[in-house]
């Protein structure tokens, strides 16, 4: 992917608490697939388990991750998640994967955090403080806010592995300005030190996005 440039900005805003544990529990079995008939099977790591005799290759398979995705969204990116919802065989294994496609000239994966996972991201482009050679990786520790931005003139792609079968994602702007019911605008105006008109605009825009 010659000619691509990619900026990773790692914002160190720890959201840790000594009273909370966000990681997956240790695997209880080698692989326990979710089941559509929960009344007759074991419940493990947040998913009901499938009868081993009904397991097929499809339970461990996800096709097409090599295919570029549409990046015409408002932020110019498209995240294809591959977690336990897409591959039932990931249940109890404590890992997932993602493909992130970026539009040229500013395609952005907005600031977000994964409440249950550390992320390791592979790209071929440029870090804000260090040039990454092809095949290099960058780690975003669990719970820390991070984002990726494509500053190149062509499309870019990155692949990420996460240390949870279901890592979750909290997009900061939507969580704050798109909350339902809305957070009191006076609180946000004071917290972010901006004019109330800015808060009103963001709440209207992001609340609408969250409820479409």
N, C-alpha and C. Protein backbone atom coordinates (compact mmCIF):
# COMPACT_ATOMS: atom_id res chain seq x y z
N UNK A 1 0.84 -1.19 0.00
CA UNK A 1 0.00 0.00 0.00
C UNK A 1 0.88 1.24 0.00
N UNK A 2 1.68 1.32 -1.00
CA UNK A 2 2.66 2.38 -1.10
C UNK A 2 1.97 3.73 -1.25
N UNK A 3 2.50 4.72 -0.58
CA UNK A 3 1.97 6.06 -0.69
C UNK A 3 0.94 6.42 0.35
N UNK A 4 0.52 5.44 1.16
CA UNK A 4 -0.48 5.73 2.18
C UNK A 4 0.17 6.31 3.42
N UNK A 5 -0.52 7.25 4.04
CA UNK A 5 -0.07 7.79 5.31
C UNK A 5 -1.21 7.63 6.30
N UNK A 6 -0.84 7.34 7.52
CA UNK A 6 -1.86 7.01 8.51
C UNK A 6 -1.42 7.55 9.86
N UNK A 7 -2.26 8.34 10.49
CA UNK A 7 -1.92 8.92 11.77
C UNK A 7 -2.68 8.22 12.87
N UNK A 8 -1.98 7.77 13.88
CA UNK A 8 -2.59 7.20 15.06
C UNK A 8 -2.33 8.16 16.21
N UNK A 9 -3.36 8.68 16.81
CA UNK A 9 -3.20 9.56 17.95
C UNK A 9 -3.69 8.82 19.18
N UNK A 10 -2.81 8.66 20.13
CA UNK A 10 -3.11 7.90 21.33
C UNK A 10 -3.33 8.88 22.47
N UNK A 11 -4.58 9.08 22.84
CA UNK A 11 -4.94 10.03 23.88
C UNK A 11 -4.99 9.30 25.21
N UNK A 12 -4.08 9.62 26.10
CA UNK A 12 -3.97 8.88 27.36
C UNK A 12 -4.92 9.49 28.38
N UNK A 13 -6.16 9.05 28.32
CA UNK A 13 -7.17 9.46 29.28
C UNK A 13 -7.66 8.20 29.96
N UNK A 14 -7.05 7.83 31.04
CA UNK A 14 -7.38 6.58 31.70
C UNK A 14 -8.78 6.64 32.29
N UNK A 15 -9.55 5.61 32.04
CA UNK A 15 -10.88 5.51 32.59
C UNK A 15 -10.93 4.33 33.55
N UNK A 16 -9.86 4.14 34.28
CA UNK A 16 -9.75 2.98 35.15
C UNK A 16 -10.35 3.25 36.51
N UNK A 17 -10.76 2.19 37.17
CA UNK A 17 -11.30 2.30 38.52
C UNK A 17 -10.90 1.07 39.30
N UNK A 18 -10.51 1.27 40.56
CA UNK A 18 -10.12 0.13 41.38
C UNK A 18 -11.32 -0.72 41.76
N UNK A 19 -12.53 -0.22 41.45
CA UNK A 19 -13.74 -0.94 41.82
C UNK A 19 -14.35 -1.68 40.65
N UNK A 20 -13.71 -1.63 39.47
CA UNK A 20 -14.31 -2.24 38.30
C UNK A 20 -13.33 -3.17 37.61
N UNK A 21 -13.87 -4.23 37.03
CA UNK A 21 -13.08 -5.16 36.24
C UNK A 21 -13.72 -5.28 34.88
N UNK A 22 -12.97 -4.91 33.82
CA UNK A 22 -13.57 -4.85 32.49
C UNK A 22 -13.17 -6.01 31.59
N UNK A 23 -12.27 -6.85 32.01
CA UNK A 23 -11.78 -7.90 31.12
C UNK A 23 -12.66 -9.14 31.17
N UNK A 24 -12.52 -9.99 30.14
CA UNK A 24 -13.26 -11.24 30.11
C UNK A 24 -12.80 -12.16 31.22
N UNK A 25 -13.69 -13.02 31.72
CA UNK A 25 -13.24 -14.06 32.64
C UNK A 25 -12.38 -15.07 31.89
N UNK A 26 -11.60 -15.83 32.61
CA UNK A 26 -10.77 -16.83 31.96
C UNK A 26 -11.61 -17.87 31.25
N UNK A 27 -11.14 -18.38 30.12
CA UNK A 27 -11.89 -19.40 29.39
C UNK A 27 -12.19 -20.61 30.28
N UNK A 28 -13.44 -21.07 30.20
CA UNK A 28 -13.84 -22.21 31.01
C UNK A 28 -13.67 -23.52 30.25
N UNK A 29 -13.68 -23.41 28.92
CA UNK A 29 -13.45 -24.58 28.08
C UNK A 29 -12.67 -24.12 26.85
N UNK A 30 -12.17 -25.06 26.06
CA UNK A 30 -11.40 -24.69 24.88
C UNK A 30 -12.22 -23.83 23.94
N UNK A 31 -13.45 -24.22 23.65
CA UNK A 31 -14.36 -23.43 22.84
C UNK A 31 -15.77 -23.90 23.12
N UNK A 32 -16.65 -22.96 23.49
CA UNK A 32 -18.03 -23.29 23.81
C UNK A 32 -18.92 -22.41 22.98
N UNK A 33 -19.56 -22.95 21.96
CA UNK A 33 -20.30 -22.15 21.01
C UNK A 33 -21.66 -21.75 21.55
N UNK A 34 -22.10 -20.51 21.22
CA UNK A 34 -23.44 -20.08 21.62
C UNK A 34 -24.51 -20.95 20.99
N UNK A 35 -25.64 -21.05 21.65
CA UNK A 35 -26.73 -21.89 21.17
C UNK A 35 -27.99 -21.08 20.97
N UNK A 36 -28.84 -21.51 20.03
CA UNK A 36 -30.15 -20.89 19.82
C UNK A 36 -31.20 -21.52 20.72
N UNK A 37 -30.82 -22.54 21.48
CA UNK A 37 -31.76 -23.22 22.37
C UNK A 37 -31.20 -23.17 23.80
N UNK A 38 -31.25 -21.99 24.43
CA UNK A 38 -30.60 -21.81 25.74
C UNK A 38 -31.21 -22.65 26.85
N UNK A 39 -32.45 -23.11 26.69
CA UNK A 39 -33.09 -23.83 27.77
C UNK A 39 -32.51 -25.23 28.00
N UNK A 40 -31.71 -25.72 27.06
CA UNK A 40 -31.21 -27.07 27.20
C UNK A 40 -29.69 -27.14 27.24
N UNK A 41 -29.02 -26.00 27.34
CA UNK A 41 -27.56 -26.01 27.27
C UNK A 41 -26.94 -25.17 28.36
N UNK A 42 -25.63 -25.26 28.50
CA UNK A 42 -24.86 -24.56 29.51
C UNK A 42 -24.64 -23.09 29.13
N UNK A 43 -24.63 -22.21 30.11
CA UNK A 43 -24.40 -20.78 29.90
C UNK A 43 -22.96 -20.46 30.31
N UNK A 44 -22.13 -19.97 29.35
CA UNK A 44 -20.72 -19.73 29.62
C UNK A 44 -20.29 -18.38 29.05
N UNK A 45 -19.59 -17.56 29.87
CA UNK A 45 -19.00 -16.30 29.41
C UNK A 45 -19.98 -15.40 28.67
N UNK A 46 -21.22 -15.35 29.13
CA UNK A 46 -22.18 -14.44 28.53
C UNK A 46 -22.95 -15.00 27.36
N UNK A 47 -22.67 -16.22 26.93
CA UNK A 47 -23.38 -16.82 25.81
C UNK A 47 -23.83 -18.24 26.18
N UNK A 48 -25.01 -18.61 25.68
CA UNK A 48 -25.45 -19.99 25.85
C UNK A 48 -24.65 -20.89 24.91
N UNK A 49 -24.41 -22.10 25.32
CA UNK A 49 -23.51 -22.98 24.58
C UNK A 49 -24.25 -23.96 23.67
N UNK A 50 -23.67 -24.18 22.53
CA UNK A 50 -24.24 -25.08 21.54
C UNK A 50 -23.85 -26.52 21.81
N UNK A 51 -24.74 -27.43 21.50
CA UNK A 51 -24.44 -28.85 21.63
C UNK A 51 -23.23 -29.18 20.75
N UNK A 52 -22.14 -29.71 21.31
CA UNK A 52 -20.95 -30.03 20.51
C UNK A 52 -21.24 -30.90 19.29
N UNK A 53 -22.27 -31.72 19.36
CA UNK A 53 -22.60 -32.59 18.24
C UNK A 53 -23.21 -31.81 17.07
N UNK A 54 -23.63 -30.57 17.33
CA UNK A 54 -24.22 -29.75 16.27
C UNK A 54 -23.22 -28.74 15.69
N UNK A 55 -22.00 -28.73 16.18
CA UNK A 55 -20.98 -27.80 15.72
C UNK A 55 -20.57 -28.11 14.29
N UNK A 56 -20.43 -27.07 13.47
CA UNK A 56 -19.97 -27.23 12.09
C UNK A 56 -18.84 -26.24 11.82
N UNK A 57 -18.24 -26.35 10.64
CA UNK A 57 -17.16 -25.43 10.26
C UNK A 57 -17.64 -23.99 10.23
N UNK A 58 -18.93 -23.77 9.93
CA UNK A 58 -19.48 -22.41 9.86
C UNK A 58 -19.33 -21.68 11.19
N UNK A 59 -19.31 -22.42 12.28
CA UNK A 59 -19.23 -21.80 13.60
C UNK A 59 -17.86 -21.16 13.87
N UNK A 60 -16.89 -21.44 13.02
CA UNK A 60 -15.53 -20.92 13.21
C UNK A 60 -15.06 -20.09 12.01
N UNK A 61 -16.01 -19.63 11.18
CA UNK A 61 -15.66 -19.07 9.88
C UNK A 61 -16.35 -17.72 9.65
N UNK A 62 -15.59 -16.77 9.06
CA UNK A 62 -16.15 -15.47 8.64
C UNK A 62 -15.50 -15.10 7.32
N UNK A 63 -16.26 -14.93 6.25
CA UNK A 63 -15.67 -14.66 4.93
C UNK A 63 -15.53 -13.18 4.61
N UNK A 64 -14.65 -12.87 3.65
CA UNK A 64 -14.64 -11.57 3.01
C UNK A 64 -13.95 -10.43 3.72
N UNK A 65 -13.10 -10.71 4.69
CA UNK A 65 -12.45 -9.61 5.40
C UNK A 65 -11.41 -8.90 4.52
N UNK A 66 -11.09 -9.49 3.39
CA UNK A 66 -10.16 -8.87 2.45
C UNK A 66 -10.84 -7.87 1.52
N UNK A 67 -12.16 -7.78 1.58
CA UNK A 67 -12.91 -6.93 0.66
C UNK A 67 -13.05 -5.51 1.23
N UNK A 68 -12.63 -4.47 0.47
CA UNK A 68 -12.76 -3.09 0.94
C UNK A 68 -14.22 -2.73 1.22
N UNK A 69 -14.43 -1.94 2.27
CA UNK A 69 -15.77 -1.52 2.65
C UNK A 69 -16.05 -0.09 2.21
N UNK A 70 -17.34 0.27 2.19
CA UNK A 70 -17.78 1.61 1.82
C UNK A 70 -17.37 2.61 2.91
N UNK A 71 -16.68 3.67 2.55
CA UNK A 71 -16.23 4.67 3.53
C UNK A 71 -16.92 6.02 3.34
N UNK A 72 -18.14 5.99 2.81
CA UNK A 72 -18.84 7.25 2.54
C UNK A 72 -19.66 7.73 3.74
N UNK A 73 -19.36 7.24 4.93
CA UNK A 73 -20.06 7.67 6.13
C UNK A 73 -19.67 9.10 6.49
N UNK A 74 -20.35 9.66 7.48
CA UNK A 74 -20.08 11.05 7.88
C UNK A 74 -18.66 11.25 8.36
N UNK A 75 -18.05 10.20 8.94
CA UNK A 75 -16.67 10.34 9.45
C UNK A 75 -15.64 9.74 8.49
N UNK A 76 -16.10 9.12 7.42
CA UNK A 76 -15.16 8.61 6.42
C UNK A 76 -14.46 7.33 6.81
N UNK A 77 -15.14 6.47 7.55
CA UNK A 77 -14.54 5.18 7.89
C UNK A 77 -15.62 4.14 8.02
N UNK A 78 -15.20 2.88 8.06
CA UNK A 78 -16.13 1.76 8.18
C UNK A 78 -15.44 0.65 8.96
N UNK A 79 -15.99 0.29 10.11
CA UNK A 79 -15.40 -0.75 10.94
C UNK A 79 -16.20 -2.05 10.76
N UNK A 80 -15.50 -3.10 10.37
CA UNK A 80 -16.12 -4.42 10.26
C UNK A 80 -15.68 -5.25 11.46
N UNK A 81 -16.58 -5.44 12.40
CA UNK A 81 -16.26 -6.19 13.61
C UNK A 81 -16.38 -7.69 13.35
N UNK A 82 -15.44 -8.44 13.91
CA UNK A 82 -15.50 -9.90 13.85
C UNK A 82 -15.33 -10.40 15.28
N UNK A 83 -16.46 -10.51 15.99
CA UNK A 83 -16.42 -10.97 17.37
C UNK A 83 -17.34 -12.17 17.54
N UNK A 84 -17.72 -12.47 18.77
CA UNK A 84 -18.51 -13.67 19.02
C UNK A 84 -19.88 -13.61 18.35
N UNK A 85 -20.36 -12.42 18.03
CA UNK A 85 -21.63 -12.31 17.33
C UNK A 85 -21.52 -12.79 15.89
N UNK A 86 -20.34 -12.64 15.29
CA UNK A 86 -20.13 -13.09 13.90
C UNK A 86 -19.54 -14.50 13.83
N UNK A 87 -18.68 -14.86 14.79
CA UNK A 87 -18.06 -16.19 14.82
C UNK A 87 -18.38 -16.83 16.16
N UNK A 88 -19.42 -17.66 16.23
CA UNK A 88 -19.81 -18.27 17.51
C UNK A 88 -18.68 -19.03 18.19
N UNK A 89 -17.76 -19.55 17.40
CA UNK A 89 -16.66 -20.32 17.96
C UNK A 89 -15.69 -19.52 18.81
N UNK A 90 -15.82 -18.18 18.81
CA UNK A 90 -14.97 -17.35 19.66
C UNK A 90 -15.43 -17.36 21.12
N UNK A 91 -16.61 -17.90 21.38
CA UNK A 91 -17.13 -17.90 22.76
C UNK A 91 -16.14 -18.57 23.70
N UNK A 92 -15.77 -17.87 24.75
CA UNK A 92 -14.81 -18.24 25.82
C UNK A 92 -13.36 -18.07 25.41
N UNK A 93 -13.06 -17.73 24.16
CA UNK A 93 -11.67 -17.69 23.71
C UNK A 93 -10.98 -16.35 24.00
N UNK A 94 -11.73 -15.32 24.35
CA UNK A 94 -11.13 -14.06 24.78
C UNK A 94 -10.37 -13.32 23.71
N UNK A 95 -10.88 -13.33 22.47
CA UNK A 95 -10.21 -12.61 21.38
C UNK A 95 -11.23 -12.26 20.31
N UNK A 96 -10.99 -11.16 19.58
CA UNK A 96 -11.80 -10.79 18.43
C UNK A 96 -10.94 -10.02 17.46
N UNK A 97 -11.55 -9.56 16.35
CA UNK A 97 -10.77 -8.96 15.27
C UNK A 97 -11.62 -7.87 14.63
N UNK A 98 -10.98 -6.97 13.90
CA UNK A 98 -11.73 -5.93 13.19
C UNK A 98 -10.94 -5.46 11.99
N UNK A 99 -11.67 -5.08 10.95
CA UNK A 99 -11.08 -4.40 9.80
C UNK A 99 -11.59 -2.97 9.82
N UNK A 100 -10.67 -1.99 9.65
CA UNK A 100 -11.07 -0.59 9.62
C UNK A 100 -10.66 0.02 8.29
N UNK A 101 -11.65 0.45 7.51
CA UNK A 101 -11.40 1.10 6.23
C UNK A 101 -11.53 2.61 6.39
N UNK A 102 -10.60 3.35 5.77
CA UNK A 102 -10.56 4.81 5.88
C UNK A 102 -10.62 5.45 4.50
N UNK A 103 -11.47 6.47 4.37
CA UNK A 103 -11.50 7.26 3.15
C UNK A 103 -10.25 8.14 3.08
N UNK A 104 -9.84 8.54 1.88
CA UNK A 104 -8.70 9.47 1.78
C UNK A 104 -9.03 10.84 2.33
N UNK A 105 -7.98 11.62 2.59
CA UNK A 105 -8.12 13.01 3.03
C UNK A 105 -8.92 13.13 4.31
N UNK A 106 -8.57 12.37 5.33
CA UNK A 106 -9.19 12.59 6.64
C UNK A 106 -10.19 11.57 7.11
N UNK A 107 -10.23 10.40 6.50
CA UNK A 107 -11.09 9.34 7.02
C UNK A 107 -10.76 9.08 8.49
N UNK A 108 -11.77 9.08 9.35
CA UNK A 108 -11.54 9.05 10.79
C UNK A 108 -12.32 7.93 11.48
N UNK A 109 -11.64 7.18 12.32
CA UNK A 109 -12.30 6.30 13.28
C UNK A 109 -12.35 7.09 14.58
N UNK A 110 -13.51 7.65 14.95
CA UNK A 110 -13.59 8.67 16.02
C UNK A 110 -13.06 8.18 17.36
N UNK A 111 -12.71 9.11 18.24
CA UNK A 111 -12.25 8.73 19.58
C UNK A 111 -13.24 7.78 20.25
N UNK A 112 -12.73 6.67 20.76
CA UNK A 112 -13.58 5.67 21.37
C UNK A 112 -12.76 4.85 22.36
N UNK A 113 -13.43 3.98 23.07
CA UNK A 113 -12.75 3.08 24.00
C UNK A 113 -13.44 1.73 23.96
N UNK A 114 -12.69 0.69 24.30
CA UNK A 114 -13.25 -0.66 24.39
C UNK A 114 -13.27 -1.06 25.87
N UNK A 115 -14.44 -1.12 26.47
CA UNK A 115 -14.51 -1.34 27.92
C UNK A 115 -14.03 -2.71 28.37
N UNK A 116 -13.94 -3.66 27.44
CA UNK A 116 -13.56 -5.01 27.86
C UNK A 116 -12.32 -5.54 27.15
N UNK A 117 -11.55 -4.67 26.49
CA UNK A 117 -10.45 -5.22 25.71
C UNK A 117 -9.31 -4.24 25.49
N UNK A 118 -8.10 -4.78 25.44
CA UNK A 118 -6.94 -4.08 24.89
C UNK A 118 -6.94 -4.33 23.38
N UNK A 119 -6.53 -3.34 22.60
CA UNK A 119 -6.51 -3.47 21.14
C UNK A 119 -5.08 -3.42 20.64
N UNK A 120 -4.76 -4.27 19.69
CA UNK A 120 -3.47 -4.20 18.99
C UNK A 120 -3.78 -4.00 17.52
N UNK A 121 -3.26 -2.92 16.95
CA UNK A 121 -3.64 -2.52 15.60
C UNK A 121 -2.45 -2.59 14.66
N UNK A 122 -2.69 -3.17 13.49
CA UNK A 122 -1.67 -3.33 12.46
C UNK A 122 -1.98 -2.43 11.29
N UNK A 123 -0.99 -1.65 10.84
CA UNK A 123 -1.15 -0.83 9.65
C UNK A 123 0.20 -0.75 8.94
N UNK A 124 0.24 0.01 7.85
CA UNK A 124 1.48 0.12 7.10
C UNK A 124 1.96 1.56 7.02
N UNK A 125 1.46 2.40 7.87
CA UNK A 125 1.63 3.82 7.64
C UNK A 125 2.33 4.53 8.79
N UNK A 126 1.93 5.75 9.11
CA UNK A 126 2.71 6.61 9.98
C UNK A 126 2.03 6.91 11.31
N UNK A 127 2.77 6.74 12.38
CA UNK A 127 2.33 7.11 13.72
C UNK A 127 2.67 8.57 13.96
N UNK A 128 1.91 9.24 14.82
CA UNK A 128 2.13 10.67 15.03
C UNK A 128 3.52 10.97 15.59
N UNK A 129 4.10 10.03 16.34
CA UNK A 129 5.42 10.28 16.91
C UNK A 129 6.48 9.32 16.40
N UNK A 130 6.12 8.42 15.54
CA UNK A 130 7.08 7.42 15.08
C UNK A 130 6.64 6.85 13.73
N UNK A 131 7.56 6.67 12.83
CA UNK A 131 7.23 6.06 11.54
C UNK A 131 7.13 4.55 11.74
N UNK A 132 6.00 3.99 11.31
CA UNK A 132 5.79 2.54 11.41
C UNK A 132 6.17 1.88 10.08
N UNK A 133 7.03 0.90 10.13
CA UNK A 133 7.37 0.15 8.94
C UNK A 133 6.26 -0.83 8.60
N UNK A 134 6.15 -1.27 7.35
CA UNK A 134 5.12 -2.24 6.98
C UNK A 134 5.15 -3.44 7.93
N UNK A 135 3.97 -3.76 8.46
CA UNK A 135 3.88 -4.89 9.37
C UNK A 135 4.01 -4.54 10.83
N UNK A 136 4.35 -3.28 11.16
CA UNK A 136 4.45 -2.85 12.55
C UNK A 136 3.06 -2.79 13.18
N UNK A 137 3.01 -2.83 14.49
CA UNK A 137 1.74 -2.78 15.21
C UNK A 137 1.80 -1.72 16.30
N UNK A 138 0.62 -1.31 16.79
CA UNK A 138 0.52 -0.34 17.88
C UNK A 138 -0.55 -0.80 18.84
N UNK A 139 -0.29 -0.67 20.14
CA UNK A 139 -1.20 -1.18 21.16
C UNK A 139 -1.95 -0.04 21.85
N UNK A 140 -3.27 -0.21 22.00
CA UNK A 140 -4.10 0.69 22.78
C UNK A 140 -4.56 -0.07 24.02
N UNK A 141 -4.00 0.21 25.19
CA UNK A 141 -4.38 -0.52 26.40
C UNK A 141 -5.87 -0.36 26.72
N UNK A 142 -6.40 -1.36 27.39
CA UNK A 142 -7.84 -1.41 27.71
C UNK A 142 -8.29 -0.14 28.42
N UNK A 143 -9.43 0.39 27.97
CA UNK A 143 -10.05 1.52 28.64
C UNK A 143 -9.52 2.89 28.28
N UNK A 144 -8.47 2.98 27.45
CA UNK A 144 -7.91 4.28 27.09
C UNK A 144 -8.51 4.79 25.78
N UNK A 145 -8.81 6.08 25.74
CA UNK A 145 -9.41 6.67 24.55
C UNK A 145 -8.38 6.76 23.43
N UNK A 146 -8.78 6.39 22.23
CA UNK A 146 -7.86 6.43 21.09
C UNK A 146 -8.66 6.64 19.81
N UNK A 147 -7.96 7.03 18.75
CA UNK A 147 -8.60 7.14 17.44
C UNK A 147 -7.55 6.99 16.36
N UNK A 148 -8.01 6.78 15.13
CA UNK A 148 -7.12 6.68 13.98
C UNK A 148 -7.61 7.63 12.90
N UNK A 149 -6.67 8.25 12.18
CA UNK A 149 -7.01 9.22 11.15
C UNK A 149 -6.14 8.99 9.92
N UNK A 150 -6.74 8.90 8.77
CA UNK A 150 -6.02 8.76 7.51
C UNK A 150 -5.75 10.14 6.93
N UNK A 151 -4.48 10.54 6.86
CA UNK A 151 -4.14 11.84 6.29
C UNK A 151 -3.55 11.69 4.89
N UNK A 152 -3.66 10.48 4.34
CA UNK A 152 -3.13 10.24 3.00
C UNK A 152 -4.10 10.63 1.90
N UNK A 153 -3.67 10.50 0.68
CA UNK A 153 -4.46 10.90 -0.48
C UNK A 153 -5.21 9.72 -1.10
N UNK A 154 -5.02 8.53 -0.55
CA UNK A 154 -5.70 7.34 -1.06
C UNK A 154 -6.35 6.59 0.11
N UNK A 155 -7.14 5.59 -0.21
CA UNK A 155 -7.77 4.79 0.83
C UNK A 155 -6.72 4.09 1.69
N UNK A 156 -7.06 3.82 2.92
CA UNK A 156 -6.17 3.09 3.83
C UNK A 156 -6.97 2.01 4.55
N UNK A 157 -6.27 1.01 5.04
CA UNK A 157 -6.93 -0.05 5.79
C UNK A 157 -6.02 -0.48 6.92
N UNK A 158 -6.61 -0.84 8.03
CA UNK A 158 -5.87 -1.39 9.17
C UNK A 158 -6.65 -2.57 9.72
N UNK A 159 -5.94 -3.47 10.39
CA UNK A 159 -6.58 -4.62 11.01
C UNK A 159 -6.25 -4.60 12.49
N UNK A 160 -7.24 -4.88 13.32
CA UNK A 160 -7.06 -4.81 14.76
C UNK A 160 -7.50 -6.10 15.41
N UNK A 161 -6.74 -6.54 16.39
CA UNK A 161 -7.10 -7.68 17.22
C UNK A 161 -7.35 -7.18 18.63
N UNK A 162 -8.40 -7.70 19.28
CA UNK A 162 -8.78 -7.23 20.60
C UNK A 162 -8.89 -8.40 21.57
N UNK A 163 -8.52 -8.13 22.82
CA UNK A 163 -8.39 -9.20 23.81
C UNK A 163 -9.71 -9.51 24.51
N UNK A 164 -10.77 -9.64 23.72
CA UNK A 164 -12.07 -10.03 24.25
C UNK A 164 -12.89 -10.61 23.12
N UNK A 165 -13.72 -11.58 23.44
CA UNK A 165 -14.61 -12.13 22.42
C UNK A 165 -15.71 -11.13 22.06
N UNK A 166 -15.94 -10.15 22.93
CA UNK A 166 -16.97 -9.13 22.72
C UNK A 166 -16.49 -7.83 23.36
N UNK A 167 -15.53 -7.12 22.73
CA UNK A 167 -14.84 -6.01 23.37
C UNK A 167 -15.70 -4.80 23.67
N UNK A 168 -16.78 -4.61 22.90
CA UNK A 168 -17.60 -3.42 23.07
C UNK A 168 -16.90 -2.19 22.52
N UNK A 169 -17.67 -1.15 22.27
CA UNK A 169 -17.08 0.11 21.82
C UNK A 169 -17.96 1.25 22.32
N UNK A 170 -17.32 2.27 22.89
CA UNK A 170 -18.02 3.47 23.34
C UNK A 170 -17.43 4.65 22.58
N UNK A 171 -18.19 5.22 21.65
CA UNK A 171 -17.74 6.40 20.92
C UNK A 171 -17.98 7.63 21.81
N UNK A 172 -16.92 8.32 22.15
CA UNK A 172 -16.98 9.35 23.17
C UNK A 172 -17.99 10.44 22.85
N UNK A 173 -17.95 10.97 21.64
CA UNK A 173 -18.85 12.07 21.28
C UNK A 173 -20.31 11.65 21.41
N UNK A 174 -20.63 10.44 20.92
CA UNK A 174 -22.02 9.98 21.00
C UNK A 174 -22.44 9.68 22.43
N UNK A 175 -21.50 9.14 23.22
CA UNK A 175 -21.82 8.83 24.61
C UNK A 175 -22.10 10.09 25.42
N UNK A 176 -21.39 11.17 25.10
CA UNK A 176 -21.53 12.42 25.86
C UNK A 176 -22.66 13.28 25.30
N UNK A 177 -22.60 13.57 23.98
CA UNK A 177 -23.57 14.50 23.39
C UNK A 177 -24.80 13.80 22.82
N UNK A 178 -24.75 12.48 22.69
CA UNK A 178 -25.89 11.75 22.15
C UNK A 178 -26.61 10.93 23.20
N UNK A 179 -26.37 11.20 24.49
CA UNK A 179 -27.01 10.45 25.56
C UNK A 179 -28.52 10.58 25.51
N UNK A 180 -29.22 9.51 25.88
CA UNK A 180 -30.67 9.49 25.88
C UNK A 180 -31.18 8.95 27.21
N UNK A 181 -31.78 9.81 28.08
CA UNK A 181 -32.09 11.23 27.86
C UNK A 181 -30.84 12.09 27.84
N UNK A 182 -30.92 13.27 27.25
CA UNK A 182 -29.74 14.14 27.10
C UNK A 182 -29.16 14.58 28.44
N UNK A 183 -27.85 14.74 28.47
CA UNK A 183 -27.19 15.34 29.63
C UNK A 183 -27.53 16.83 29.65
N UNK A 184 -27.73 17.38 30.83
CA UNK A 184 -28.05 18.80 30.97
C UNK A 184 -27.01 19.64 30.21
N UNK A 185 -27.45 20.49 29.25
CA UNK A 185 -26.51 21.30 28.46
C UNK A 185 -25.60 22.18 29.31
N UNK A 186 -26.10 22.63 30.47
CA UNK A 186 -25.27 23.46 31.34
C UNK A 186 -24.07 22.69 31.87
N UNK A 187 -24.27 21.39 32.12
CA UNK A 187 -23.16 20.55 32.58
C UNK A 187 -22.10 20.44 31.49
N UNK A 188 -22.54 20.20 30.25
CA UNK A 188 -21.59 20.04 29.14
C UNK A 188 -20.91 21.36 28.78
N UNK A 189 -21.66 22.45 28.86
CA UNK A 189 -21.07 23.76 28.58
C UNK A 189 -19.93 24.06 29.55
N UNK A 190 -20.16 23.76 30.82
CA UNK A 190 -19.13 24.01 31.82
C UNK A 190 -17.98 23.02 31.70
N UNK A 191 -18.30 21.75 31.45
CA UNK A 191 -17.27 20.72 31.39
C UNK A 191 -16.31 20.92 30.22
N UNK A 192 -16.85 21.31 29.06
CA UNK A 192 -16.02 21.46 27.86
C UNK A 192 -15.63 22.89 27.58
N UNK A 193 -16.13 23.83 28.41
CA UNK A 193 -15.76 25.25 28.27
C UNK A 193 -16.04 25.76 26.86
N UNK A 194 -17.26 25.50 26.38
CA UNK A 194 -17.67 25.98 25.05
C UNK A 194 -19.00 26.72 25.19
N UNK A 195 -19.36 27.44 24.15
CA UNK A 195 -20.62 28.16 24.13
C UNK A 195 -21.79 27.17 24.11
N UNK A 196 -22.89 27.52 24.73
CA UNK A 196 -24.05 26.63 24.81
C UNK A 196 -24.59 26.31 23.42
N UNK A 197 -24.42 27.22 22.46
CA UNK A 197 -24.88 26.95 21.10
C UNK A 197 -24.16 25.75 20.51
N UNK A 198 -22.88 25.60 20.84
CA UNK A 198 -22.10 24.44 20.36
C UNK A 198 -22.66 23.16 20.95
N UNK A 199 -22.94 23.17 22.26
CA UNK A 199 -23.50 21.99 22.92
C UNK A 199 -24.86 21.65 22.35
N UNK A 200 -25.71 22.66 22.16
CA UNK A 200 -27.05 22.43 21.60
C UNK A 200 -26.96 21.79 20.22
N UNK A 201 -26.04 22.28 19.40
CA UNK A 201 -25.87 21.74 18.05
C UNK A 201 -25.42 20.28 18.10
N UNK A 202 -24.41 20.01 18.93
CA UNK A 202 -23.88 18.66 19.02
C UNK A 202 -24.90 17.68 19.58
N UNK A 203 -25.64 18.11 20.59
CA UNK A 203 -26.66 17.23 21.15
C UNK A 203 -27.74 16.91 20.13
N UNK A 204 -28.16 17.91 19.39
CA UNK A 204 -29.19 17.69 18.37
C UNK A 204 -28.67 16.75 17.28
N UNK A 205 -27.44 16.97 16.84
CA UNK A 205 -26.87 16.17 15.76
C UNK A 205 -26.63 14.73 16.20
N UNK A 206 -25.99 14.54 17.34
CA UNK A 206 -25.58 13.20 17.76
C UNK A 206 -26.73 12.43 18.39
N UNK A 207 -27.67 13.10 19.04
CA UNK A 207 -28.84 12.39 19.55
C UNK A 207 -29.64 11.83 18.39
N UNK A 208 -29.74 12.60 17.30
CA UNK A 208 -30.44 12.13 16.09
C UNK A 208 -29.74 10.92 15.52
N UNK A 209 -28.38 10.96 15.44
CA UNK A 209 -27.61 9.84 14.91
C UNK A 209 -27.84 8.58 15.74
N UNK A 210 -27.87 8.72 17.05
CA UNK A 210 -28.04 7.56 17.94
C UNK A 210 -29.44 6.96 17.86
N UNK A 211 -30.39 7.70 17.39
CA UNK A 211 -31.78 7.22 17.39
C UNK A 211 -32.32 6.97 15.98
N UNK A 212 -31.43 6.87 15.01
CA UNK A 212 -31.85 6.51 13.65
C UNK A 212 -31.83 4.99 13.48
